[in-house]
N, C-alpha and C. Protein backbone atom coordinates (compact mmCIF):
# COMPACT_ATOMS: atom_id res chain seq x y z
N MET A 1 -64.21 33.43 -149.68
CA MET A 1 -63.78 32.58 -148.59
C MET A 1 -62.72 31.59 -149.04
N PHE A 2 -62.98 30.89 -150.19
CA PHE A 2 -62.05 29.90 -150.71
C PHE A 2 -60.72 30.56 -151.11
N ALA A 3 -60.80 31.74 -151.75
CA ALA A 3 -59.61 32.46 -152.18
C ALA A 3 -58.76 32.88 -150.98
N GLU A 4 -59.43 33.31 -149.91
CA GLU A 4 -58.70 33.72 -148.71
C GLU A 4 -58.02 32.53 -148.04
N ALA A 5 -58.69 31.39 -148.05
CA ALA A 5 -58.10 30.18 -147.47
C ALA A 5 -56.88 29.75 -148.27
N LEU A 6 -56.98 29.80 -149.60
CA LEU A 6 -55.83 29.45 -150.44
C LEU A 6 -54.68 30.42 -150.23
N GLU A 7 -54.99 31.69 -150.07
CA GLU A 7 -53.96 32.69 -149.83
C GLU A 7 -53.27 32.44 -148.49
N ALA A 8 -54.03 32.10 -147.47
CA ALA A 8 -53.46 31.81 -146.15
C ALA A 8 -52.56 30.56 -146.21
N ILE A 9 -53.02 29.55 -146.94
CA ILE A 9 -52.20 28.33 -147.10
C ILE A 9 -50.91 28.67 -147.84
N GLY A 10 -51.02 29.52 -148.85
CA GLY A 10 -49.83 29.94 -149.61
C GLY A 10 -48.83 30.67 -148.75
N ARG A 11 -49.31 31.54 -147.87
CA ARG A 11 -48.40 32.26 -146.96
C ARG A 11 -47.73 31.31 -145.97
N LEU A 12 -48.50 30.37 -145.44
CA LEU A 12 -47.95 29.38 -144.52
C LEU A 12 -46.93 28.50 -145.24
N ASP A 13 -47.24 28.11 -146.45
CA ASP A 13 -46.35 27.28 -147.26
C ASP A 13 -45.03 28.02 -147.50
N TYR A 14 -45.11 29.29 -147.86
CA TYR A 14 -43.90 30.08 -148.11
C TYR A 14 -43.10 30.27 -146.83
N ALA A 15 -43.77 30.49 -145.71
CA ALA A 15 -43.06 30.64 -144.43
C ALA A 15 -42.31 29.35 -144.07
N ALA A 16 -42.96 28.21 -144.27
CA ALA A 16 -42.30 26.93 -144.01
C ALA A 16 -41.13 26.74 -144.97
N PHE A 17 -41.32 27.12 -146.23
CA PHE A 17 -40.25 27.04 -147.22
C PHE A 17 -39.05 27.87 -146.77
N GLN A 18 -39.29 29.10 -146.36
CA GLN A 18 -38.21 29.99 -145.92
C GLN A 18 -37.51 29.45 -144.67
N TRP A 19 -38.28 28.93 -143.73
CA TRP A 19 -37.69 28.40 -142.51
C TRP A 19 -36.79 27.20 -142.82
N LEU A 20 -37.30 26.28 -143.64
CA LEU A 20 -36.50 25.10 -144.00
C LEU A 20 -35.24 25.49 -144.77
N ARG A 21 -35.35 26.49 -145.61
CA ARG A 21 -34.22 26.90 -146.44
C ARG A 21 -33.17 27.67 -145.65
N ALA A 22 -33.51 28.13 -144.46
CA ALA A 22 -32.56 28.89 -143.65
C ALA A 22 -31.51 27.99 -142.99
N HIS A 23 -31.69 26.71 -143.05
CA HIS A 23 -30.79 25.77 -142.37
C HIS A 23 -30.01 24.94 -143.39
N HIS A 24 -28.92 25.51 -143.87
CA HIS A 24 -28.10 24.84 -144.87
C HIS A 24 -26.69 24.63 -144.35
N SER A 25 -26.05 23.58 -144.85
CA SER A 25 -24.63 23.36 -144.59
C SER A 25 -24.01 22.87 -145.89
N PRO A 26 -22.76 23.24 -146.17
CA PRO A 26 -22.13 22.84 -147.44
C PRO A 26 -22.12 21.32 -147.65
N LEU A 27 -21.91 20.55 -146.61
CA LEU A 27 -21.89 19.10 -146.74
C LEU A 27 -23.28 18.57 -147.10
N LEU A 28 -24.29 19.08 -146.44
CA LEU A 28 -25.66 18.67 -146.72
C LEU A 28 -26.10 19.15 -148.10
N ASP A 29 -25.64 20.33 -148.51
CA ASP A 29 -25.97 20.84 -149.85
C ASP A 29 -25.56 19.84 -150.92
N ALA A 30 -24.32 19.39 -150.86
CA ALA A 30 -23.79 18.45 -151.86
C ALA A 30 -24.55 17.12 -151.80
N PHE A 31 -24.85 16.64 -150.60
CA PHE A 31 -25.59 15.39 -150.45
C PHE A 31 -26.98 15.49 -151.06
N MET A 32 -27.69 16.58 -150.77
CA MET A 32 -29.05 16.76 -151.28
C MET A 32 -29.08 16.92 -152.80
N VAL A 33 -28.11 17.64 -153.36
CA VAL A 33 -28.04 17.77 -154.81
C VAL A 33 -27.82 16.39 -155.44
N GLY A 34 -26.87 15.64 -154.88
CA GLY A 34 -26.59 14.30 -155.41
C GLY A 34 -27.78 13.37 -155.29
N LEU A 35 -28.45 13.39 -154.15
CA LEU A 35 -29.61 12.54 -153.92
C LEU A 35 -30.73 12.88 -154.90
N SER A 36 -30.98 14.15 -155.07
CA SER A 36 -32.03 14.59 -156.00
C SER A 36 -31.68 14.20 -157.43
N ASP A 37 -30.41 14.32 -157.78
CA ASP A 37 -29.98 13.96 -159.14
C ASP A 37 -30.15 12.48 -159.43
N VAL A 38 -29.79 11.61 -158.48
CA VAL A 38 -29.91 10.17 -158.74
C VAL A 38 -31.36 9.69 -158.70
N ALA A 39 -32.24 10.52 -158.14
CA ALA A 39 -33.66 10.15 -158.09
C ALA A 39 -34.42 10.66 -159.31
N ARG A 40 -33.78 11.51 -160.12
CA ARG A 40 -34.44 12.06 -161.30
C ARG A 40 -34.84 10.94 -162.25
N GLY A 41 -36.08 10.96 -162.68
CA GLY A 41 -36.58 9.93 -163.58
C GLY A 41 -36.74 8.57 -162.92
N GLY A 42 -36.66 8.53 -161.59
CA GLY A 42 -36.82 7.26 -160.87
C GLY A 42 -35.60 6.37 -160.95
N ALA A 43 -34.46 6.91 -161.39
CA ALA A 43 -33.27 6.09 -161.64
C ALA A 43 -32.86 5.25 -160.44
N ILE A 44 -32.77 5.84 -159.27
CA ILE A 44 -32.31 5.09 -158.10
C ILE A 44 -33.26 3.94 -157.77
N TRP A 45 -34.55 4.17 -157.96
CA TRP A 45 -35.56 3.15 -157.64
C TRP A 45 -35.52 2.01 -158.64
N ILE A 46 -35.30 2.34 -159.89
CA ILE A 46 -35.20 1.31 -160.93
C ILE A 46 -33.97 0.44 -160.69
N VAL A 47 -32.86 1.07 -160.38
CA VAL A 47 -31.63 0.32 -160.09
C VAL A 47 -31.83 -0.59 -158.89
N LEU A 48 -32.43 -0.07 -157.84
CA LEU A 48 -32.67 -0.90 -156.64
C LEU A 48 -33.58 -2.09 -156.95
N ALA A 49 -34.63 -1.85 -157.73
CA ALA A 49 -35.56 -2.94 -158.07
C ALA A 49 -34.85 -4.04 -158.85
N PHE A 50 -34.06 -3.66 -159.84
CA PHE A 50 -33.35 -4.67 -160.63
C PHE A 50 -32.25 -5.36 -159.82
N LEU A 51 -31.60 -4.63 -158.94
CA LEU A 51 -30.58 -5.23 -158.08
C LEU A 51 -31.20 -6.31 -157.18
N ILE A 52 -32.32 -5.98 -156.58
CA ILE A 52 -33.02 -6.95 -155.72
C ILE A 52 -33.45 -8.16 -156.54
N ALA A 53 -33.96 -7.93 -157.74
CA ALA A 53 -34.41 -9.03 -158.60
C ALA A 53 -33.25 -9.93 -159.03
N PHE A 54 -32.09 -9.32 -159.29
CA PHE A 54 -30.92 -10.14 -159.65
C PHE A 54 -30.44 -10.97 -158.47
N LEU A 55 -30.54 -10.40 -157.28
CA LEU A 55 -30.10 -11.12 -156.08
C LEU A 55 -31.10 -12.18 -155.63
N HIS A 56 -32.37 -11.95 -155.91
CA HIS A 56 -33.44 -12.85 -155.49
C HIS A 56 -34.33 -13.15 -156.69
N ARG A 57 -34.03 -14.19 -157.40
CA ARG A 57 -34.70 -14.52 -158.66
C ARG A 57 -36.22 -14.63 -158.55
N SER A 58 -36.72 -15.06 -157.43
CA SER A 58 -38.18 -15.23 -157.30
C SER A 58 -38.92 -13.89 -157.26
N ARG A 59 -38.21 -12.81 -157.12
CA ARG A 59 -38.85 -11.50 -156.98
C ARG A 59 -38.95 -10.72 -158.30
N TRP A 60 -38.55 -11.32 -159.39
CA TRP A 60 -38.62 -10.64 -160.68
C TRP A 60 -40.00 -10.08 -161.02
N PRO A 61 -41.06 -10.83 -160.84
CA PRO A 61 -42.38 -10.28 -161.22
C PRO A 61 -42.73 -9.00 -160.46
N ALA A 62 -42.25 -8.83 -159.25
CA ALA A 62 -42.58 -7.65 -158.46
C ALA A 62 -41.91 -6.39 -158.97
N VAL A 63 -40.87 -6.52 -159.79
CA VAL A 63 -40.19 -5.35 -160.36
C VAL A 63 -41.18 -4.54 -161.19
N VAL A 64 -42.14 -5.21 -161.79
CA VAL A 64 -43.15 -4.53 -162.60
C VAL A 64 -43.89 -3.49 -161.76
N HIS A 65 -44.13 -3.79 -160.50
CA HIS A 65 -44.80 -2.81 -159.63
C HIS A 65 -43.99 -1.54 -159.51
N VAL A 66 -42.71 -1.68 -159.32
CA VAL A 66 -41.84 -0.51 -159.17
C VAL A 66 -41.86 0.32 -160.46
N LEU A 67 -41.67 -0.34 -161.58
CA LEU A 67 -41.65 0.36 -162.87
C LEU A 67 -42.99 1.02 -163.18
N LEU A 68 -44.07 0.32 -162.90
CA LEU A 68 -45.40 0.88 -163.14
C LEU A 68 -45.68 2.07 -162.21
N GLY A 69 -45.28 1.95 -160.95
CA GLY A 69 -45.46 3.06 -160.01
C GLY A 69 -44.74 4.31 -160.45
N ILE A 70 -43.49 4.16 -160.89
CA ILE A 70 -42.71 5.31 -161.35
C ILE A 70 -43.33 5.90 -162.62
N ALA A 71 -43.72 5.04 -163.54
CA ALA A 71 -44.32 5.51 -164.79
C ALA A 71 -45.63 6.27 -164.54
N LEU A 72 -46.49 5.71 -163.70
CA LEU A 72 -47.76 6.39 -163.39
C LEU A 72 -47.51 7.71 -162.67
N ALA A 73 -46.56 7.73 -161.75
CA ALA A 73 -46.24 8.97 -161.03
C ALA A 73 -45.79 10.04 -162.01
N PHE A 74 -44.95 9.66 -162.96
CA PHE A 74 -44.48 10.62 -163.96
C PHE A 74 -45.63 11.15 -164.81
N VAL A 75 -46.43 10.27 -165.35
CA VAL A 75 -47.52 10.68 -166.24
C VAL A 75 -48.52 11.56 -165.50
N ILE A 76 -48.91 11.14 -164.31
CA ILE A 76 -49.93 11.90 -163.58
C ILE A 76 -49.40 13.24 -163.11
N THR A 77 -48.18 13.29 -162.58
CA THR A 77 -47.66 14.58 -162.10
C THR A 77 -47.34 15.53 -163.25
N ASP A 78 -46.56 15.06 -164.23
CA ASP A 78 -46.08 15.96 -165.27
C ASP A 78 -47.09 16.27 -166.37
N HIS A 79 -48.00 15.35 -166.62
CA HIS A 79 -48.91 15.57 -167.76
C HIS A 79 -50.36 15.84 -167.36
N VAL A 80 -50.67 15.66 -166.07
CA VAL A 80 -52.04 15.94 -165.62
C VAL A 80 -52.03 17.02 -164.53
N ALA A 81 -51.41 16.72 -163.39
CA ALA A 81 -51.50 17.61 -162.23
C ALA A 81 -50.76 18.94 -162.41
N LYS A 82 -49.51 18.89 -162.86
CA LYS A 82 -48.76 20.14 -163.00
C LYS A 82 -49.42 21.12 -163.97
N PRO A 83 -49.84 20.67 -165.16
CA PRO A 83 -50.55 21.62 -166.04
C PRO A 83 -51.87 22.13 -165.43
N PHE A 84 -52.56 21.26 -164.70
CA PHE A 84 -53.83 21.66 -164.12
C PHE A 84 -53.64 22.72 -163.03
N PHE A 85 -52.72 22.48 -162.09
CA PHE A 85 -52.52 23.42 -160.98
C PHE A 85 -51.68 24.63 -161.39
N ASN A 86 -50.75 24.42 -162.30
CA ASN A 86 -49.95 25.51 -162.87
C ASN A 86 -49.30 26.41 -161.81
N ARG A 87 -48.76 25.83 -160.78
CA ARG A 87 -48.13 26.60 -159.71
C ARG A 87 -46.67 26.92 -160.07
N ALA A 88 -46.31 28.17 -159.91
CA ALA A 88 -44.94 28.60 -160.18
C ALA A 88 -43.99 28.02 -159.13
N ARG A 89 -42.78 27.78 -159.53
CA ARG A 89 -41.75 27.32 -158.60
C ARG A 89 -41.33 28.47 -157.70
N PRO A 90 -40.78 28.15 -156.51
CA PRO A 90 -40.37 29.21 -155.59
C PRO A 90 -39.41 30.22 -156.22
N PHE A 91 -38.43 29.75 -156.99
CA PHE A 91 -37.45 30.65 -157.58
C PHE A 91 -38.05 31.50 -158.70
N GLU A 92 -39.23 31.12 -159.20
CA GLU A 92 -39.92 31.94 -160.19
C GLU A 92 -40.73 33.04 -159.51
N SER A 93 -41.25 32.73 -158.33
CA SER A 93 -42.09 33.69 -157.61
C SER A 93 -41.28 34.64 -156.72
N TYR A 94 -40.17 34.16 -156.21
CA TYR A 94 -39.36 34.94 -155.28
C TYR A 94 -37.92 34.96 -155.76
N THR A 95 -37.48 36.10 -156.23
CA THR A 95 -36.14 36.18 -156.80
C THR A 95 -35.04 35.94 -155.78
N ASP A 96 -35.35 36.08 -154.49
CA ASP A 96 -34.34 35.85 -153.46
C ASP A 96 -34.23 34.38 -153.07
N ALA A 97 -35.03 33.51 -153.67
CA ALA A 97 -35.00 32.08 -153.36
C ALA A 97 -33.82 31.44 -154.09
N ARG A 98 -32.82 31.03 -153.34
CA ARG A 98 -31.63 30.42 -153.92
C ARG A 98 -31.92 28.96 -154.30
N VAL A 99 -31.39 28.56 -155.43
CA VAL A 99 -31.55 27.19 -155.90
C VAL A 99 -30.19 26.51 -155.88
N TYR A 100 -30.17 25.31 -155.34
CA TYR A 100 -28.96 24.49 -155.35
C TYR A 100 -29.17 23.42 -156.42
N GLY A 101 -28.23 23.27 -157.31
CA GLY A 101 -28.39 22.30 -158.39
C GLY A 101 -29.13 22.92 -159.56
N TYR A 102 -29.79 22.08 -160.34
CA TYR A 102 -30.46 22.56 -161.56
C TYR A 102 -31.83 23.16 -161.26
N LYS A 103 -32.28 24.00 -162.18
CA LYS A 103 -33.61 24.61 -162.08
C LYS A 103 -34.56 23.89 -163.04
N PRO A 104 -35.53 23.16 -162.49
CA PRO A 104 -36.49 22.47 -163.37
C PRO A 104 -37.32 23.47 -164.17
N THR A 105 -37.79 23.02 -165.31
CA THR A 105 -38.59 23.89 -166.18
C THR A 105 -40.08 23.58 -166.10
N THR A 106 -40.45 22.49 -165.40
CA THR A 106 -41.87 22.16 -165.25
C THR A 106 -42.45 22.99 -164.12
N ARG A 107 -43.75 22.89 -163.92
CA ARG A 107 -44.42 23.61 -162.85
C ARG A 107 -44.11 22.95 -161.51
N SER A 108 -44.59 23.55 -160.43
CA SER A 108 -44.17 23.14 -159.11
C SER A 108 -45.05 22.11 -158.41
N PHE A 109 -46.36 22.19 -158.57
CA PHE A 109 -47.25 21.31 -157.81
C PHE A 109 -47.87 20.26 -158.70
N PRO A 110 -47.77 19.01 -158.29
CA PRO A 110 -47.08 18.41 -157.15
C PRO A 110 -45.65 18.02 -157.54
N SER A 111 -44.86 17.68 -156.56
CA SER A 111 -43.48 17.27 -156.79
C SER A 111 -43.43 15.88 -157.43
N GLY A 112 -42.86 15.81 -158.61
CA GLY A 112 -42.70 14.52 -159.29
C GLY A 112 -41.70 13.63 -158.60
N HIS A 113 -40.63 14.24 -158.04
CA HIS A 113 -39.65 13.45 -157.29
C HIS A 113 -40.31 12.78 -156.09
N ALA A 114 -41.12 13.55 -155.36
CA ALA A 114 -41.79 12.99 -154.18
C ALA A 114 -42.78 11.90 -154.58
N ALA A 115 -43.54 12.14 -155.64
CA ALA A 115 -44.53 11.15 -156.09
C ALA A 115 -43.85 9.85 -156.50
N SER A 116 -42.82 9.92 -157.31
CA SER A 116 -42.16 8.69 -157.75
C SER A 116 -41.41 8.01 -156.61
N ALA A 117 -40.82 8.80 -155.72
CA ALA A 117 -40.09 8.21 -154.59
C ALA A 117 -41.02 7.43 -153.67
N ILE A 118 -42.16 8.01 -153.33
CA ILE A 118 -43.09 7.34 -152.43
C ILE A 118 -43.75 6.15 -153.12
N ALA A 119 -44.13 6.30 -154.39
CA ALA A 119 -44.71 5.18 -155.14
C ALA A 119 -43.72 4.02 -155.22
N ALA A 120 -42.46 4.34 -155.51
CA ALA A 120 -41.43 3.30 -155.61
C ALA A 120 -41.15 2.67 -154.25
N ALA A 121 -41.10 3.47 -153.20
CA ALA A 121 -40.85 2.91 -151.86
C ALA A 121 -41.97 1.96 -151.46
N CYS A 122 -43.19 2.31 -151.81
CA CYS A 122 -44.34 1.45 -151.53
C CYS A 122 -44.17 0.10 -152.23
N ALA A 123 -43.80 0.14 -153.50
CA ALA A 123 -43.62 -1.10 -154.26
C ALA A 123 -42.38 -1.87 -153.80
N LEU A 124 -41.29 -1.16 -153.54
CA LEU A 124 -40.06 -1.82 -153.09
C LEU A 124 -40.24 -2.45 -151.71
N ALA A 125 -41.03 -1.82 -150.87
CA ALA A 125 -41.29 -2.38 -149.54
C ALA A 125 -41.99 -3.72 -149.65
N ARG A 126 -42.80 -3.91 -150.68
CA ARG A 126 -43.45 -5.19 -150.92
C ARG A 126 -42.47 -6.16 -151.56
N LEU A 127 -41.61 -5.65 -152.43
CA LEU A 127 -40.63 -6.46 -153.14
C LEU A 127 -39.57 -7.02 -152.19
N ALA A 128 -39.12 -6.17 -151.26
CA ALA A 128 -38.08 -6.58 -150.31
C ALA A 128 -38.45 -6.07 -148.92
N PRO A 129 -39.40 -6.73 -148.26
CA PRO A 129 -39.89 -6.24 -146.97
C PRO A 129 -38.80 -6.13 -145.91
N GLU A 130 -37.75 -6.92 -146.05
CA GLU A 130 -36.67 -6.86 -145.06
C GLU A 130 -35.91 -5.54 -145.11
N ALA A 131 -36.05 -4.77 -146.18
CA ALA A 131 -35.35 -3.49 -146.31
C ALA A 131 -36.32 -2.31 -146.39
N ARG A 132 -37.58 -2.51 -146.04
CA ARG A 132 -38.58 -1.46 -146.22
C ARG A 132 -38.24 -0.16 -145.50
N SER A 133 -37.64 -0.23 -144.33
CA SER A 133 -37.28 0.99 -143.60
C SER A 133 -36.29 1.84 -144.40
N ILE A 134 -35.36 1.18 -145.04
CA ILE A 134 -34.37 1.89 -145.87
C ILE A 134 -35.07 2.59 -147.03
N PHE A 135 -36.00 1.91 -147.68
CA PHE A 135 -36.70 2.51 -148.82
C PHE A 135 -37.51 3.73 -148.40
N TRP A 136 -38.21 3.61 -147.28
CA TRP A 136 -39.04 4.73 -146.83
C TRP A 136 -38.19 5.92 -146.39
N VAL A 137 -37.10 5.67 -145.70
CA VAL A 137 -36.22 6.77 -145.29
C VAL A 137 -35.62 7.45 -146.53
N LEU A 138 -35.17 6.65 -147.47
CA LEU A 138 -34.61 7.21 -148.71
C LEU A 138 -35.65 8.02 -149.47
N ALA A 139 -36.88 7.52 -149.56
CA ALA A 139 -37.94 8.25 -150.25
C ALA A 139 -38.24 9.58 -149.56
N LEU A 140 -38.28 9.57 -148.24
CA LEU A 140 -38.53 10.82 -147.51
C LEU A 140 -37.40 11.81 -147.68
N LEU A 141 -36.17 11.32 -147.72
CA LEU A 141 -35.03 12.20 -147.96
C LEU A 141 -35.07 12.81 -149.36
N VAL A 142 -35.43 12.00 -150.35
CA VAL A 142 -35.57 12.53 -151.71
C VAL A 142 -36.64 13.61 -151.74
N ALA A 143 -37.77 13.35 -151.13
CA ALA A 143 -38.86 14.33 -151.11
C ALA A 143 -38.42 15.62 -150.41
N PHE A 144 -37.77 15.48 -149.26
CA PHE A 144 -37.31 16.66 -148.52
C PHE A 144 -36.25 17.44 -149.31
N SER A 145 -35.43 16.73 -150.06
CA SER A 145 -34.36 17.40 -150.81
C SER A 145 -34.92 18.44 -151.77
N ARG A 146 -36.12 18.24 -152.26
CA ARG A 146 -36.70 19.16 -153.23
C ARG A 146 -36.99 20.53 -152.61
N VAL A 147 -37.41 20.54 -151.35
CA VAL A 147 -37.61 21.82 -150.64
C VAL A 147 -36.25 22.39 -150.26
N TYR A 148 -35.39 21.54 -149.75
CA TYR A 148 -34.05 21.96 -149.33
C TYR A 148 -33.30 22.65 -150.48
N LEU A 149 -33.45 22.13 -151.68
CA LEU A 149 -32.74 22.67 -152.84
C LEU A 149 -33.39 23.92 -153.42
N GLY A 150 -34.58 24.25 -152.94
CA GLY A 150 -35.24 25.48 -153.37
C GLY A 150 -36.08 25.36 -154.63
N VAL A 151 -36.43 24.14 -155.02
CA VAL A 151 -37.19 23.96 -156.25
C VAL A 151 -38.66 23.62 -156.01
N HIS A 152 -39.04 23.39 -154.75
CA HIS A 152 -40.44 23.10 -154.41
C HIS A 152 -40.79 23.73 -153.06
N TYR A 153 -42.07 24.02 -152.90
CA TYR A 153 -42.62 24.39 -151.60
C TYR A 153 -42.94 23.11 -150.84
N PRO A 154 -43.07 23.19 -149.51
CA PRO A 154 -43.46 21.99 -148.75
C PRO A 154 -44.78 21.38 -149.21
N ALA A 155 -45.76 22.21 -149.57
CA ALA A 155 -47.05 21.67 -150.03
C ALA A 155 -46.91 20.89 -151.34
N ASP A 156 -45.96 21.29 -152.18
CA ASP A 156 -45.71 20.55 -153.43
C ASP A 156 -45.24 19.14 -153.11
N VAL A 157 -44.35 19.05 -152.15
CA VAL A 157 -43.79 17.75 -151.75
C VAL A 157 -44.86 16.90 -151.06
N LEU A 158 -45.64 17.53 -150.19
CA LEU A 158 -46.72 16.81 -149.52
C LEU A 158 -47.74 16.30 -150.55
N GLY A 159 -48.11 17.14 -151.49
CA GLY A 159 -49.04 16.72 -152.55
C GLY A 159 -48.47 15.58 -153.38
N GLY A 160 -47.19 15.69 -153.74
CA GLY A 160 -46.54 14.62 -154.50
C GLY A 160 -46.46 13.33 -153.70
N ALA A 161 -46.16 13.45 -152.41
CA ALA A 161 -46.06 12.26 -151.56
C ALA A 161 -47.41 11.56 -151.44
N LEU A 162 -48.47 12.32 -151.25
CA LEU A 162 -49.81 11.73 -151.16
C LEU A 162 -50.21 11.07 -152.48
N LEU A 163 -49.89 11.73 -153.57
CA LEU A 163 -50.16 11.15 -154.89
C LEU A 163 -49.37 9.85 -155.07
N GLY A 164 -48.10 9.88 -154.70
CA GLY A 164 -47.25 8.70 -154.80
C GLY A 164 -47.74 7.56 -153.93
N LEU A 165 -48.22 7.88 -152.75
CA LEU A 165 -48.76 6.85 -151.86
C LEU A 165 -50.00 6.20 -152.48
N GLY A 166 -50.85 7.03 -153.07
CA GLY A 166 -52.03 6.49 -153.75
C GLY A 166 -51.65 5.61 -154.93
N ILE A 167 -50.69 6.06 -155.71
CA ILE A 167 -50.22 5.29 -156.86
C ILE A 167 -49.58 3.98 -156.41
N GLY A 168 -48.70 4.07 -155.43
CA GLY A 168 -48.02 2.87 -154.93
C GLY A 168 -49.00 1.86 -154.36
N THR A 169 -49.98 2.33 -153.63
CA THR A 169 -51.00 1.44 -153.06
C THR A 169 -51.83 0.81 -154.17
N PHE A 170 -52.18 1.60 -155.17
CA PHE A 170 -52.94 1.08 -156.31
C PHE A 170 -52.15 0.02 -157.08
N VAL A 171 -50.90 0.33 -157.37
CA VAL A 171 -50.07 -0.57 -158.17
C VAL A 171 -49.82 -1.89 -157.45
N VAL A 172 -49.53 -1.82 -156.18
CA VAL A 172 -49.24 -3.04 -155.41
C VAL A 172 -50.53 -3.79 -155.11
N GLY A 173 -51.58 -3.07 -154.84
CA GLY A 173 -52.87 -3.69 -154.55
C GLY A 173 -52.77 -4.68 -153.40
N ARG A 174 -53.41 -5.79 -153.56
CA ARG A 174 -53.39 -6.82 -152.51
C ARG A 174 -52.46 -7.97 -152.88
N THR A 175 -51.53 -7.69 -153.76
CA THR A 175 -50.60 -8.73 -154.20
C THR A 175 -49.76 -9.23 -153.04
N ASN A 176 -49.65 -10.51 -152.94
CA ASN A 176 -48.76 -11.13 -151.96
C ASN A 176 -47.79 -12.04 -152.72
N TRP A 177 -46.62 -11.53 -152.96
CA TRP A 177 -45.62 -12.31 -153.66
C TRP A 177 -45.08 -13.39 -152.75
N ARG A 178 -44.81 -14.52 -153.32
CA ARG A 178 -44.16 -15.59 -152.55
C ARG A 178 -42.67 -15.35 -152.64
N LEU A 179 -42.14 -14.82 -151.58
CA LEU A 179 -40.74 -14.44 -151.55
C LEU A 179 -39.89 -15.59 -151.03
N LYS A 180 -39.55 -16.49 -151.90
CA LYS A 180 -38.71 -17.62 -151.51
C LYS A 180 -37.33 -17.44 -152.11
N ASP A 181 -36.35 -17.55 -151.28
CA ASP A 181 -34.97 -17.40 -151.76
C ASP A 181 -34.07 -18.40 -151.10
């Protein structure tokens, strides 16, 4: 029963992957590759956190949340979850799956980009609440880019996003920074 349910989820996941991948445009291709590249290793989130801290000196302590969220997302996805689930990437399982940009060498589930993006957005939303919509939209675009580029299935991104949300919530906790500027 469990094996059949997993197989059905896998078929649905692949169908969603194929449907999403059928809608490409050259302009969007370049944008998604660039977005995914600047999010690698949490780079865009780290830059944003330090930029906000430089502009608003009272927010320096909150930068730790962003850095800790990204670090935990990396360790948990790449060193715990990916080896445990050991899911092949779409381009490894289906030779007709086109990849835009680079081909990662790690396993597929969960998406590290999605986990770090959502964890960072959670922390950044606390760091700069006036820009939280921008952070969440950017995080969702980064997560979506991974399916669009052909390096993750939708379930990988969903799993990474849920993991990132848990990490971000844990890291931020009930902290209420006094945001005076």
